[in-house]
């Protein structure tokens, strides 16, 4: 049934969060999306599920394509879209697939499903491929035309934002994400606790990107990066953390552990002196609410923060504060050189926009 829906769709869409949990799922999705000409959106991904340069990769924002799609495959995705931001068109068919496709551990989840497939990502996609005939050339051409239009719009949006961000002071997260991406190794492990903007970074391989867990637990990122370095000591490891996430990580213990166990990890703290998640999501859910009308939104400001770079130095690491966008590439290069040549951990305290 799922194969019939996807095969006949003029504007099919895959939305995923965790399809790349295993390398087999990463490879299977790349092959399936290319053959079938189905675009993929990685919504708040916890694992990279598709190379960011793949022809079918359409960014991280479901509202870009969800309202137009006639068939949507939510593949290992607990929140395929935010209903307050976008919803499928009337009559669109929804397929949920994954190890627990209805996410039975989330009692308030209420996404409709015409077809539900339980199982491993690679096996599900293999089964769909076997059940689907090769798409007709005319249908593939129609899909690619739709996809190309959205891809051009996405690329223009990214280019415009990056041009603005390159000279923005305080530093824009898009510029910081771009600079980190340009400096990192191709197989670097990047742990992202909220602040790296995936649309402004480049990842090609499985097991290179790890985002925040649905279980929450603010402060997991720094410790996860140390664990990644222990698991793969030959690979470069970078943790991109919000200032609040860094505070919740017990930073003194983190830097002590990095020094004690000789783990040269780079911690990039995106310091906007506020609880960004509280600020942005409150305003996103209640754009006309009291918080949005307030000159100083409560429970969002982090005043009188310590000098994070000094915390790293106190444990024998490299620390530097960066305030200007033009200084960031060189600062990242210095930190990575210290990690490579001196085998010390490093921290960049990047002063960012709110």
C-alpha atoms as a PDB file:
ATOM      1  CA  UNK A   1       0.000   0.000   0.000  1.00  0.00           C
ATOM      2  CA  UNK A   2       2.824   2.389   0.842  1.00  0.00           C
ATOM      3  CA  UNK A   3       4.600   1.511  -2.387  1.00  0.00           C
ATOM      4  CA  UNK A   4       1.477   2.245  -4.438  1.00  0.00           C
ATOM      5  CA  UNK A   5       1.043   5.644  -2.797  1.00  0.00           C
ATOM      6  CA  UNK A   6       4.670   6.647  -3.319  1.00  0.00           C
ATOM      7  CA  UNK A   7       4.855   5.316  -6.864  1.00  0.00           C
ATOM      8  CA  UNK A   8       1.853   7.358  -7.978  1.00  0.00           C
ATOM      9  CA  UNK A   9       2.746  10.569  -6.141  1.00  0.00           C
ATOM     10  CA  UNK A  10       3.554  13.687  -8.137  1.00  0.00           C
ATOM     11  CA  UNK A  11       5.053  15.494  -5.141  1.00  0.00           C
ATOM     12  CA  UNK A  12       6.219  12.881  -2.629  1.00  0.00           C
ATOM     13  CA  UNK A  13       8.276  13.962   0.369  1.00  0.00           C
ATOM     14  CA  UNK A  14      10.354  12.186   3.017  1.00  0.00           C
ATOM     15  CA  UNK A  15      10.755  13.835   6.416  1.00  0.00           C
ATOM     16  CA  UNK A  16      13.199  12.193   8.793  1.00  0.00           C
ATOM     17  CA  UNK A  17      14.972  12.747  12.071  1.00  0.00           C
ATOM     18  CA  UNK A  18      16.706   9.447  12.869  1.00  0.00           C
ATOM     19  CA  UNK A  19      16.922   7.429   9.642  1.00  0.00           C
ATOM     20  CA  UNK A  20      20.715   7.683   9.767  1.00  0.00           C
ATOM     21  CA  UNK A  21      21.034   6.157  13.224  1.00  0.00           C
ATOM     22  CA  UNK A  22      22.797   3.229  11.543  1.00  0.00           C
ATOM     23  CA  UNK A  23      25.119   3.603   8.512  1.00  0.00           C
ATOM     24  CA  UNK A  24      22.915   1.101   6.676  1.00  0.00           C
ATOM     25  CA  UNK A  25      19.958   3.490   6.960  1.00  0.00           C
ATOM     26  CA  UNK A  26      22.088   6.408   5.782  1.00  0.00           C
ATOM     27  CA  UNK A  27      23.155   4.529   2.647  1.00  0.00           C
ATOM     28  CA  UNK A  28      19.682   3.121   1.965  1.00  0.00           C
ATOM     29  CA  UNK A  29      17.985   6.525   2.148  1.00  0.00           C
ATOM     30  CA  UNK A  30      20.530   8.133  -0.180  1.00  0.00           C
ATOM     31  CA  UNK A  31      19.970   5.418  -2.789  1.00  0.00           C
ATOM     32  CA  UNK A  32      16.171   5.293  -2.445  1.00  0.00           C
ATOM     33  CA  UNK A  33      15.692   9.071  -2.633  1.00  0.00           C
ATOM     34  CA  UNK A  34      17.900   9.349  -5.722  1.00  0.00           C
ATOM     35  CA  UNK A  35      16.277   6.510  -7.678  1.00  0.00           C
ATOM     36  CA  UNK A  36      12.734   7.585  -6.850  1.00  0.00           C
ATOM     37  CA  UNK A  37      13.414  11.347  -7.054  1.00  0.00           C
ATOM     38  CA  UNK A  38      11.917  12.035  -3.629  1.00  0.00           C
ATOM     39  CA  UNK A  39      13.186  15.055  -1.676  1.00  0.00           C
ATOM     40  CA  UNK A  40      14.268  14.621   1.936  1.00  0.00           C
ATOM     41  CA  UNK A  41      13.971  17.083   4.790  1.00  0.00           C
ATOM     42  CA  UNK A  42      15.896  16.366   7.985  1.00  0.00           C
ATOM     43  CA  UNK A  43      13.791  17.964  10.707  1.00  0.00           C
ATOM     44  CA  UNK A  44      15.731  18.630  13.912  1.00  0.00           C
ATOM     45  CA  UNK A  45      17.940  15.619  13.161  1.00  0.00           C
ATOM     46  CA  UNK A  46      19.604  13.600  15.882  1.00  0.00           C
ATOM     47  CA  UNK A  47      21.604  11.692  13.301  1.00  0.00           C
ATOM     48  CA  UNK A  48      22.602  12.763   9.815  1.00  0.00           C
ATOM     49  CA  UNK A  49      20.414  10.754   7.440  1.00  0.00           C
ATOM     50  CA  UNK A  50      21.511  12.109   4.064  1.00  0.00           C
ATOM     51  CA  UNK A  51      24.611  13.950   2.786  1.00  0.00           C
ATOM     52  CA  UNK A  52      23.918  17.668   2.785  1.00  0.00           C
ATOM     53  CA  UNK A  53      25.137  17.864  -0.830  1.00  0.00           C
ATOM     54  CA  UNK A  54      22.805  15.087  -2.021  1.00  0.00           C
ATOM     55  CA  UNK A  55      20.566  16.154  -4.895  1.00  0.00           C
ATOM     56  CA  UNK A  56      17.467  15.218  -2.868  1.00  0.00           C
ATOM     57  CA  UNK A  57      18.512  17.063   0.307  1.00  0.00           C
ATOM     58  CA  UNK A  58      16.141  19.984   0.875  1.00  0.00           C
ATOM     59  CA  UNK A  59      17.275  21.314   4.218  1.00  0.00           C
ATOM     60  CA  UNK A  60      15.792  21.089   7.688  1.00  0.00           C
ATOM     61  CA  UNK A  61      12.514  22.998   7.526  1.00  0.00           C
ATOM     62  CA  UNK A  62       9.342  20.925   6.869  1.00  0.00           C
ATOM     63  CA  UNK A  63       7.152  23.965   6.274  1.00  0.00           C
ATOM     64  CA  UNK A  64       9.103  24.497   3.057  1.00  0.00           C
ATOM     65  CA  UNK A  65       7.442  21.535   1.290  1.00  0.00           C
ATOM     66  CA  UNK A  66       4.880  19.841   3.561  1.00  0.00           C
ATOM     67  CA  UNK A  67       1.914  21.987   2.390  1.00  0.00           C
ATOM     68  CA  UNK A  68       2.548  21.020  -1.261  1.00  0.00           C
ATOM     69  CA  UNK A  69       3.331  17.308  -0.901  1.00  0.00           C
ATOM     70  CA  UNK A  70       0.671  14.797  -1.937  1.00  0.00           C
ATOM     71  CA  UNK A  71       2.349  11.848  -0.144  1.00  0.00           C
ATOM     72  CA  UNK A  72       4.575  12.222   2.929  1.00  0.00           C
ATOM     73  CA  UNK A  73       6.758   9.449   4.325  1.00  0.00           C
ATOM     74  CA  UNK A  74       7.655  10.255   7.947  1.00  0.00           C
ATOM     75  CA  UNK A  75      10.676   7.999   8.368  1.00  0.00           C
ATOM     76  CA  UNK A  76      11.973   7.570  11.920  1.00  0.00           C
ATOM     77  CA  UNK A  77      10.552  10.970  12.767  1.00  0.00           C
ATOM     78  CA  UNK A  78       8.615  11.770  15.925  1.00  0.00           C
ATOM     79  CA  UNK A  79       7.749  15.345  14.876  1.00  0.00           C
ATOM     80  CA  UNK A  80       7.588  15.458  11.062  1.00  0.00           C
ATOM     81  CA  UNK A  81       6.188  18.998  11.127  1.00  0.00           C
ATOM     82  CA  UNK A  82       4.889  21.550  13.608  1.00  0.00           C
ATOM     83  CA  UNK A  83       1.137  21.941  12.967  1.00  0.00           C
ATOM     84  CA  UNK A  84       1.235  25.583  14.085  1.00  0.00           C
ATOM     85  CA  UNK A  85       3.723  26.279  11.259  1.00  0.00           C
ATOM     86  CA  UNK A  86       2.560  23.995   8.445  1.00  0.00           C
ATOM     87  CA  UNK A  87       0.167  21.131   7.760  1.00  0.00           C
ATOM     88  CA  UNK A  88      -0.312  18.762   4.819  1.00  0.00           C
ATOM     89  CA  UNK A  89      -2.865  19.669   2.195  1.00  0.00           C
ATOM     90  CA  UNK A  90      -6.308  18.084   2.333  1.00  0.00           C
ATOM     91  CA  UNK A  91      -6.193  14.611   0.868  1.00  0.00           C
ATOM     92  CA  UNK A  92      -2.443  14.138   1.268  1.00  0.00           C
ATOM     93  CA  UNK A  93      -1.533  10.569   2.205  1.00  0.00           C
ATOM     94  CA  UNK A  94       0.714  10.131   5.257  1.00  0.00           C
ATOM     95  CA  UNK A  95       2.956   7.093   5.787  1.00  0.00           C
ATOM     96  CA  UNK A  96       4.763   6.581   9.090  1.00  0.00           C
ATOM     97  CA  UNK A  97       7.702   4.177   9.173  1.00  0.00           C
ATOM     98  CA  UNK A  98      10.371   3.170  11.671  1.00  0.00           C
ATOM     99  CA  UNK A  99      11.102   0.899  14.595  1.00  0.00           C
ATOM    100  CA  UNK A 100       8.195   2.457  16.516  1.00  0.00           C
ATOM    101  CA  UNK A 101       6.350   4.328  13.745  1.00  0.00           C
ATOM    102  CA  UNK A 102       3.517   5.590  15.959  1.00  0.00           C
ATOM    103  CA  UNK A 103       5.935   6.566  18.756  1.00  0.00           C
ATOM    104  CA  UNK A 104       3.905   4.822  21.404  1.00  0.00           C
ATOM    105  CA  UNK A 105       6.049   6.317  24.156  1.00  0.00           C
ATOM    106  CA  UNK A 106       4.619   9.763  23.394  1.00  0.00           C
ATOM    107  CA  UNK A 107       1.005   9.672  24.620  1.00  0.00           C
ATOM    108  CA  UNK A 108       0.110  13.132  23.271  1.00  0.00           C
ATOM    109  CA  UNK A 109       1.344  12.507  19.719  1.00  0.00           C
ATOM    110  CA  UNK A 110      -1.485  12.815  17.185  1.00  0.00           C
ATOM    111  CA  UNK A 111      -0.217  12.637  13.601  1.00  0.00           C
ATOM    112  CA  UNK A 112      -2.571  10.892  11.175  1.00  0.00           C
ATOM    113  CA  UNK A 113      -1.342   7.829   9.289  1.00  0.00           C
ATOM    114  CA  UNK A 114      -2.833   6.072   6.258  1.00  0.00           C
ATOM    115  CA  UNK A 115      -0.149   3.370   6.228  1.00  0.00           C
ATOM    116  CA  UNK A 116       2.180   2.400   9.062  1.00  0.00           C
ATOM    117  CA  UNK A 117       5.351   0.333   8.593  1.00  0.00           C
ATOM    118  CA  UNK A 118       7.334  -1.060  11.506  1.00  0.00           C
ATOM    119  CA  UNK A 119      10.974  -2.021  11.114  1.00  0.00           C
ATOM    120  CA  UNK A 120      14.564  -1.044  10.435  1.00  0.00           C
ATOM    121  CA  UNK A 121      15.084   1.873   8.034  1.00  0.00           C
ATOM    122  CA  UNK A 122      17.257  -0.027   5.544  1.00  0.00           C
ATOM    123  CA  UNK A 123      14.877  -3.008   5.466  1.00  0.00           C
ATOM    124  CA  UNK A 124      11.815  -0.787   5.025  1.00  0.00           C
ATOM    125  CA  UNK A 125      13.399   1.098   2.121  1.00  0.00           C
ATOM    126  CA  UNK A 126      14.575  -2.150   0.555  1.00  0.00           C
ATOM    127  CA  UNK A 127      11.049  -3.534   0.821  1.00  0.00           C
ATOM    128  CA  UNK A 128       9.564  -0.399  -0.719  1.00  0.00           C
ATOM    129  CA  UNK A 129      12.100  -0.525  -3.561  1.00  0.00           C
ATOM    130  CA  UNK A 130      11.187  -4.136  -4.313  1.00  0.00           C
ATOM    131  CA  UNK A 131       7.479  -3.325  -4.267  1.00  0.00           C
ATOM    132  CA  UNK A 132       7.773  -0.239  -6.475  1.00  0.00           C
ATOM    133  CA  UNK A 133       8.339  -0.384 -10.176  1.00  0.00           C
ATOM    134  CA  UNK A 134      10.863   1.994 -11.754  1.00  0.00           C
ATOM    135  CA  UNK A 135       9.072   5.350 -12.031  1.00  0.00           C
ATOM    136  CA  UNK A 136       8.087   6.539 -15.481  1.00  0.00           C
ATOM    137  CA  UNK A 137      10.458   9.081 -16.983  1.00  0.00           C
ATOM    138  CA  UNK A 138       7.730  11.709 -17.232  1.00  0.00           C
ATOM    139  CA  UNK A 139       6.863  11.357 -13.543  1.00  0.00           C
ATOM    140  CA  UNK A 140      10.523  11.564 -12.518  1.00  0.00           C
ATOM    141  CA  UNK A 141      10.944  14.692 -14.646  1.00  0.00           C
ATOM    142  CA  UNK A 142       7.888  16.259 -12.997  1.00  0.00           C
ATOM    143  CA  UNK A 143       9.215  15.484  -9.526  1.00  0.00           C
ATOM    144  CA  UNK A 144      12.673  16.845 -10.327  1.00  0.00           C
ATOM    145  CA  UNK A 145      11.214  20.086 -11.661  1.00  0.00           C
ATOM    146  CA  UNK A 146       9.344  20.562  -8.373  1.00  0.00           C
ATOM    147  CA  UNK A 147      12.443  19.696  -6.371  1.00  0.00           C
ATOM    148  CA  UNK A 148      14.722  21.957  -8.406  1.00  0.00           C
ATOM    149  CA  UNK A 149      12.466  24.930  -7.784  1.00  0.00           C
ATOM    150  CA  UNK A 150      12.630  24.413  -4.042  1.00  0.00           C
ATOM    151  CA  UNK A 151      16.367  23.733  -4.147  1.00  0.00           C
ATOM    152  CA  UNK A 152      17.061  27.012  -5.963  1.00  0.00           C
ATOM    153  CA  UNK A 153      14.932  28.880  -3.424  1.00  0.00           C
ATOM    154  CA  UNK A 154      16.783  27.186  -0.541  1.00  0.00           C
ATOM    155  CA  UNK A 155      20.215  27.932  -2.024  1.00  0.00           C
ATOM    156  CA  UNK A 156      19.261  31.578  -2.579  1.00  0.00           C
ATOM    157  CA  UNK A 157      18.003  31.862   0.997  1.00  0.00           C
ATOM    158  CA  UNK A 158      21.199  30.304   2.383  1.00  0.00           C
ATOM    159  CA  UNK A 159      23.417  32.550   0.259  1.00  0.00           C
ATOM    160  CA  UNK A 160      21.518  35.679   1.300  1.00  0.00           C
ATOM    161  CA  UNK A 161      21.682  34.784   4.984  1.00  0.00           C
ATOM    162  CA  UNK A 162      25.380  33.908   4.806  1.00  0.00           C
ATOM    163  CA  UNK A 163      26.235  37.188   3.062  1.00  0.00           C
ATOM    164  CA  UNK A 164      24.436  39.123   5.782  1.00  0.00           C
ATOM    165  CA  UNK A 165      25.925  36.956   8.538  1.00  0.00           C
ATOM    166  CA  UNK A 166      29.511  37.355   7.342  1.00  0.00           C
ATOM    167  CA  UNK A 167      29.578  40.961   8.587  1.00  0.00           C
ATOM    168  CA  UNK A 168      27.045  40.759  11.413  1.00  0.00           C
ATOM    169  CA  UNK A 169      28.121  41.821  14.897  1.00  0.00           C
ATOM    170  CA  UNK A 170      27.520  40.160  17.311  1.00  0.00           C
ATOM    171  CA  UNK A 171      28.384  37.022  15.341  1.00  0.00           C
ATOM    172  CA  UNK A 172      25.484  35.302  13.579  1.00  0.00           C
ATOM    173  CA  UNK A 173      25.005  31.563  14.155  1.00  0.00           C
ATOM    174  CA  UNK A 174      24.850  31.005  10.385  1.00  0.00           C
ATOM    175  CA  UNK A 175      28.346  32.469   9.962  1.00  0.00           C
ATOM    176  CA  UNK A 176      29.720  30.473  12.877  1.00  0.00           C
ATOM    177  CA  UNK A 177      28.191  27.288  11.441  1.00  0.00           C
ATOM    178  CA  UNK A 178      29.713  28.017   8.032  1.00  0.00           C
ATOM    179  CA  UNK A 179      33.164  28.696   9.512  1.00  0.00           C
ATOM    180  CA  UNK A 180      33.110  25.507  11.588  1.00  0.00           C
ATOM    181  CA  UNK A 181      32.052  23.519   8.536  1.00  0.00           C
ATOM    182  CA  UNK A 182      34.836  24.976   6.396  1.00  0.00           C
ATOM    183  CA  UNK A 183      37.494  24.229   9.027  1.00  0.00           C
ATOM    184  CA  UNK A 184      36.515  20.737  10.184  1.00  0.00           C
ATOM    185  CA  UNK A 185      37.840  17.468   8.798  1.00  0.00           C
ATOM    186  CA  UNK A 186      35.615  15.593   6.348  1.00  0.00           C
ATOM    187  CA  UNK A 187      35.077  12.798   8.891  1.00  0.00           C
ATOM    188  CA  UNK A 188      34.953  15.024  11.968  1.00  0.00           C
ATOM    189  CA  UNK A 189      32.377  14.142  14.606  1.00  0.00           C
ATOM    190  CA  UNK A 190      30.227  17.171  15.391  1.00  0.00           C
ATOM    191  CA  UNK A 191      27.984  17.125  18.455  1.00  0.00           C
ATOM    192  CA  UNK A 192      25.353  19.831  18.195  1.00  0.00           C
ATOM    193  CA  UNK A 193      23.420  20.959  21.233  1.00  0.00           C
ATOM    194  CA  UNK A 194      21.006  23.337  19.515  1.00  0.00           C
ATOM    195  CA  UNK A 195      23.198  26.047  18.025  1.00  0.00           C
ATOM    196  CA  UNK A 196      24.829  24.711  14.834  1.00  0.00           C
ATOM    197  CA  UNK A 197      22.676  25.572  11.798  1.00  0.00           C
ATOM    198  CA  UNK A 198      22.801  22.466   9.630  1.00  0.00           C
ATOM    199  CA  UNK A 199      21.706  24.347   6.494  1.00  0.00           C
ATOM    200  CA  UNK A 200      24.969  26.320   6.726  1.00  0.00           C
ATOM    201  CA  UNK A 201      27.233  23.300   7.210  1.00  0.00           C
ATOM    202  CA  UNK A 202      28.417  20.440   5.046  1.00  0.00           C
ATOM    203  CA  UNK A 203      28.360  16.778   6.062  1.00  0.00           C
ATOM    204  CA  UNK A 204      28.918  13.872   3.690  1.00  0.00           C
ATOM    205  CA  UNK A 205      29.262  10.755   5.830  1.00  0.00           C
ATOM    206  CA  UNK A 206      27.261   8.762   8.351  1.00  0.00           C
ATOM    207  CA  UNK A 207      28.200   9.006  12.023  1.00  0.00           C
ATOM    208  CA  UNK A 208      29.499  12.574  11.653  1.00  0.00           C
ATOM    209  CA  UNK A 209      26.619  14.553  13.168  1.00  0.00           C
ATOM    210  CA  UNK A 210      24.736  14.055  16.424  1.00  0.00           C
ATOM    211  CA  UNK A 211      21.933  16.359  17.554  1.00  0.00           C
ATOM    212  CA  UNK A 212      19.920  16.760  20.720  1.00  0.00           C
ATOM    213  CA  UNK A 213      17.965  13.799  22.018  1.00  0.00           C
ATOM    214  CA  UNK A 214      14.197  13.917  22.306  1.00  0.00           C
ATOM    215  CA  UNK A 215      14.695  13.008  25.961  1.00  0.00           C
ATOM    216  CA  UNK A 216      16.031  16.535  26.471  1.00  0.00           C
ATOM    217  CA  UNK A 217      18.595  16.648  29.278  1.00  0.00           C
ATOM    218  CA  UNK A 218      20.208  20.048  28.766  1.00  0.00           C
ATOM    219  CA  UNK A 219      23.986  19.811  29.011  1.00  0.00           C
ATOM    220  CA  UNK A 220      24.521  16.405  27.374  1.00  0.00           C
ATOM    221  CA  UNK A 221      26.574  17.744  24.451  1.00  0.00           C
ATOM    222  CA  UNK A 222      29.938  18.354  26.112  1.00  0.00           C
ATOM    223  CA  UNK A 223      29.998  14.924  27.740  1.00  0.00           C
ATOM    224  CA  UNK A 224      28.836  13.307  24.491  1.00  0.00           C
ATOM    225  CA  UNK A 225      31.781  14.910  22.700  1.00  0.00           C
ATOM    226  CA  UNK A 226      34.223  13.458  25.236  1.00  0.00           C
ATOM    227  CA  UNK A 227      32.593  10.059  24.729  1.00  0.00           C
ATOM    228  CA  UNK A 228      32.908  10.406  20.947  1.00  0.00           C
ATOM    229  CA  UNK A 229      36.622  11.163  21.282  1.00  0.00           C
ATOM    230  CA  UNK A 230      37.109   8.118  23.498  1.00  0.00           C
ATOM    231  CA  UNK A 231      35.251   5.965  20.959  1.00  0.00           C
ATOM    232  CA  UNK A 232      37.084   7.391  17.916  1.00  0.00           C
ATOM    233  CA  UNK A 233      40.403   8.857  19.128  1.00  0.00           C
ATOM    234  CA  UNK A 234      41.712   9.185  15.566  1.00  0.00           C
ATOM    235  CA  UNK A 235      38.891  11.535  14.518  1.00  0.00           C
ATOM    236  CA  UNK A 236      38.473  15.250  15.093  1.00  0.00           C
ATOM    237  CA  UNK A 237      35.637  15.988  17.538  1.00  0.00           C
ATOM    238  CA  UNK A 238      33.835  19.315  17.851  1.00  0.00           C
ATOM    239  CA  UNK A 239      31.007  20.183  20.248  1.00  0.00           C
ATOM    240  CA  UNK A 240      28.842  23.190  19.363  1.00  0.00           C
ATOM    241  CA  UNK A 241      26.988  24.267  22.488  1.00  0.00           C
ATOM    242  CA  UNK A 242      24.690  27.023  23.593  1.00  0.00           C
ATOM    243  CA  UNK A 243      25.845  29.009  26.604  1.00  0.00           C
ATOM    244  CA  UNK A 244      23.078  27.553  28.769  1.00  0.00           C
ATOM    245  CA  UNK A 245      23.864  24.028  27.555  1.00  0.00           C
ATOM    246  CA  UNK A 246      27.519  24.605  28.430  1.00  0.00           C
ATOM    247  CA  UNK A 247      26.602  25.734  31.957  1.00  0.00           C
ATOM    248  CA  UNK A 248      24.401  22.667  32.457  1.00  0.00           C
ATOM    249  CA  UNK A 249      27.249  20.395  31.343  1.00  0.00           C
ATOM    250  CA  UNK A 250      29.184  21.025  34.575  1.00  0.00           C
ATOM    251  CA  UNK A 251      32.008  22.684  32.618  1.00  0.00           C
ATOM    252  CA  UNK A 252      34.692  22.471  35.302  1.00  0.00           C
ATOM    253  CA  UNK A 253      34.252  18.696  35.380  1.00  0.00           C
ATOM    254  CA  UNK A 254      34.147  18.543  31.566  1.00  0.00           C
ATOM    255  CA  UNK A 255      37.458  20.379  31.156  1.00  0.00           C
ATOM    256  CA  UNK A 256      39.061  18.410  33.948  1.00  0.00           C
ATOM    257  CA  UNK A 257      38.010  15.154  32.259  1.00  0.00           C
ATOM    258  CA  UNK A 258      39.311  16.393  28.892  1.00  0.00           C
ATOM    259  CA  UNK A 259      42.691  17.169  30.456  1.00  0.00           C
ATOM    260  CA  UNK A 260      42.844  14.076  32.674  1.00  0.00           C
ATOM    261  CA  UNK A 261      42.094  11.655  29.850  1.00  0.00           C
ATOM    262  CA  UNK A 262      43.989  13.664  27.205  1.00  0.00           C
ATOM    263  CA  UNK A 263      40.974  14.217  24.966  1.00  0.00           C
ATOM    264  CA  UNK A 264      41.635  17.082  22.516  1.00  0.00           C
ATOM    265  CA  UNK A 265      38.064  18.162  21.811  1.00  0.00           C
ATOM    266  CA  UNK A 266      37.012  21.591  20.550  1.00  0.00           C
ATOM    267  CA  UNK A 267      34.127  23.183  22.441  1.00  0.00           C
ATOM    268  CA  UNK A 268      32.516  26.073  20.557  1.00  0.00           C
ATOM    269  CA  UNK A 269      30.223  27.941  22.935  1.00  0.00           C
ATOM    270  CA  UNK A 270      27.714  30.108  21.087  1.00  0.00           C
ATOM    271  CA  UNK A 271      27.272  32.764  23.737  1.00  0.00           C
ATOM    272  CA  UNK A 272      24.215  34.980  23.306  1.00  0.00           C
ATOM    273  CA  UNK A 273      23.720  35.431  27.065  1.00  0.00           C
ATOM    274  CA  UNK A 274      20.230  34.004  27.024  1.00  0.00           C
ATOM    275  CA  UNK A 275      18.118  30.863  27.070  1.00  0.00           C
ATOM    276  CA  UNK A 276      17.545  30.886  23.320  1.00  0.00           C
ATOM    277  CA  UNK A 277      15.202  27.882  23.242  1.00  0.00           C
ATOM    278  CA  UNK A 278      12.850  29.484  25.779  1.00  0.00           C
ATOM    279  CA  UNK A 279      12.956  32.808  23.951  1.00  0.00           C
ATOM    280  CA  UNK A 280      12.393  31.520  20.422  1.00  0.00           C
ATOM    281  CA  UNK A 281       9.946  28.695  21.039  1.00  0.00           C
ATOM    282  CA  UNK A 282       7.728  30.780  23.311  1.00  0.00           C
ATOM    283  CA  UNK A 283       7.476  33.413  20.596  1.00  0.00           C
ATOM    284  CA  UNK A 284       7.001  30.795  17.883  1.00  0.00           C
ATOM    285  CA  UNK A 285       4.094  29.140  19.705  1.00  0.00           C
ATOM    286  CA  UNK A 286       2.536  32.381  20.971  1.00  0.00           C
ATOM    287  CA  UNK A 287       3.495  35.147  18.503  1.00  0.00           C
ATOM    288  CA  UNK A 288       0.819  37.464  19.881  1.00  0.00           C
ATOM    289  CA  UNK A 289       1.356  36.558  23.526  1.00  0.00           C
ATOM    290  CA  UNK A 290       2.547  38.604  26.485  1.00  0.00           C
ATOM    291  CA  UNK A 291       6.137  37.365  26.114  1.00  0.00           C
ATOM    292  CA  UNK A 292       6.314  38.571  22.503  1.00  0.00           C
ATOM    293  CA  UNK A 293       5.008  41.993  23.542  1.00  0.00           C
ATOM    294  CA  UNK A 294       7.458  42.314  26.415  1.00  0.00           C
ATOM    295  CA  UNK A 295      10.548  44.492  26.133  1.00  0.00           C
ATOM    296  CA  UNK A 296      12.426  41.990  28.297  1.00  0.00           C
ATOM    297  CA  UNK A 297      11.045  38.474  28.112  1.00  0.00           C
ATOM    298  CA  UNK A 298      11.198  36.755  31.499  1.00  0.00           C
ATOM    299  CA  UNK A 299      13.222  33.588  32.161  1.00  0.00           C
ATOM    300  CA  UNK A 300      15.405  34.098  29.090  1.00  0.00           C
ATOM    301  CA  UNK A 301      18.370  36.281  30.059  1.00  0.00           C
ATOM    302  CA  UNK A 302      21.738  35.026  31.304  1.00  0.00           C
ATOM    303  CA  UNK A 303      23.426  38.081  32.771  1.00  0.00           C
ATOM    304  CA  UNK A 304      26.953  38.328  34.227  1.00  0.00           C
ATOM    305  CA  UNK A 305      28.222  35.132  32.655  1.00  0.00           C
ATOM    306  CA  UNK A 306      31.779  34.059  33.529  1.00  0.00           C
ATOM    307  CA  UNK A 307      34.573  34.130  30.954  1.00  0.00           C
ATOM    308  CA  UNK A 308      34.140  30.623  29.559  1.00  0.00           C
ATOM    309  CA  UNK A 309      37.574  30.704  27.912  1.00  0.00           C
ATOM    310  CA  UNK A 310      39.175  31.065  31.342  1.00  0.00           C
ATOM    311  CA  UNK A 311      37.440  27.914  32.559  1.00  0.00           C
ATOM    312  CA  UNK A 312      39.163  25.954  29.790  1.00  0.00           C
ATOM    313  CA  UNK A 313      42.522  27.605  30.531  1.00  0.00           C
ATOM    314  CA  UNK A 314      42.213  26.763  34.217  1.00  0.00           C
ATOM    315  CA  UNK A 315      42.197  23.079  33.244  1.00  0.00           C
ATOM    316  CA  UNK A 316      45.190  23.418  30.943  1.00  0.00           C
ATOM    317  CA  UNK A 317      43.205  23.868  27.746  1.00  0.00           C
ATOM    318  CA  UNK A 318      43.275  26.543  25.068  1.00  0.00           C
ATOM    319  CA  UNK A 319      40.677  29.296  25.438  1.00  0.00           C
ATOM    320  CA  UNK A 320      39.804  32.321  23.335  1.00  0.00           C
ATOM    321  CA  UNK A 321      36.974  34.855  23.186  1.00  0.00           C
ATOM    322  CA  UNK A 322      35.786  35.839  19.695  1.00  0.00           C
ATOM    323  CA  UNK A 323      33.587  38.884  19.134  1.00  0.00           C
ATOM    324  CA  UNK A 324      34.039  39.859  15.465  1.00  0.00           C
ATOM    325  CA  UNK A 325      32.952  37.694  12.507  1.00  0.00           C
ATOM    326  CA  UNK A 326      36.169  38.356  10.589  1.00  0.00           C
ATOM    327  CA  UNK A 327      38.205  36.938  13.487  1.00  0.00           C
ATOM    328  CA  UNK A 328      36.364  33.635  13.726  1.00  0.00           C
ATOM    329  CA  UNK A 329      38.045  31.569  10.954  1.00  0.00           C
ATOM    330  CA  UNK A 330      41.526  32.262  12.334  1.00  0.00           C
ATOM    331  CA  UNK A 331      40.403  31.542  15.899  1.00  0.00           C
ATOM    332  CA  UNK A 332      38.994  28.160  14.838  1.00  0.00           C
ATOM    333  CA  UNK A 333      42.249  27.393  13.002  1.00  0.00           C
ATOM    334  CA  UNK A 334      44.306  28.229  16.112  1.00  0.00           C
ATOM    335  CA  UNK A 335      42.154  26.016  18.307  1.00  0.00           C
ATOM    336  CA  UNK A 336      42.345  23.077  15.900  1.00  0.00           C
ATOM    337  CA  UNK A 337      46.125  23.478  15.640  1.00  0.00           C
ATOM    338  CA  UNK A 338      46.476  23.324  19.434  1.00  0.00           C
ATOM    339  CA  UNK A 339      44.375  20.156  19.449  1.00  0.00           C
ATOM    340  CA  UNK A 340      46.430  18.599  16.666  1.00  0.00           C
ATOM    341  CA  UNK A 341      49.939  19.642  17.705  1.00  0.00           C
ATOM    342  CA  UNK A 342      49.692  19.878  21.491  1.00  0.00           C
ATOM    343  CA  UNK A 343      46.947  17.287  22.107  1.00  0.00           C
ATOM    344  CA  UNK A 344      45.052  19.751  24.324  1.00  0.00           C
ATOM    345  CA  UNK A 345      41.348  20.500  24.403  1.00  0.00           C
ATOM    346  CA  UNK A 346      40.184  23.945  23.329  1.00  0.00           C
ATOM    347  CA  UNK A 347      37.248  26.304  23.838  1.00  0.00           C
ATOM    348  CA  UNK A 348      36.073  29.252  21.777  1.00  0.00           C
ATOM    349  CA  UNK A 349      33.711  31.660  23.529  1.00  0.00           C
ATOM    350  CA  UNK A 350      31.862  33.028  20.480  1.00  0.00           C
ATOM    351  CA  UNK A 351      29.808  36.134  21.275  1.00  0.00           C
ATOM    352  CA  UNK A 352      26.640  35.699  19.195  1.00  0.00           C
ATOM    353  CA  UNK A 353      23.435  37.453  18.329  1.00  0.00           C
ATOM    354  CA  UNK A 354      20.414  36.864  20.544  1.00  0.00           C
END
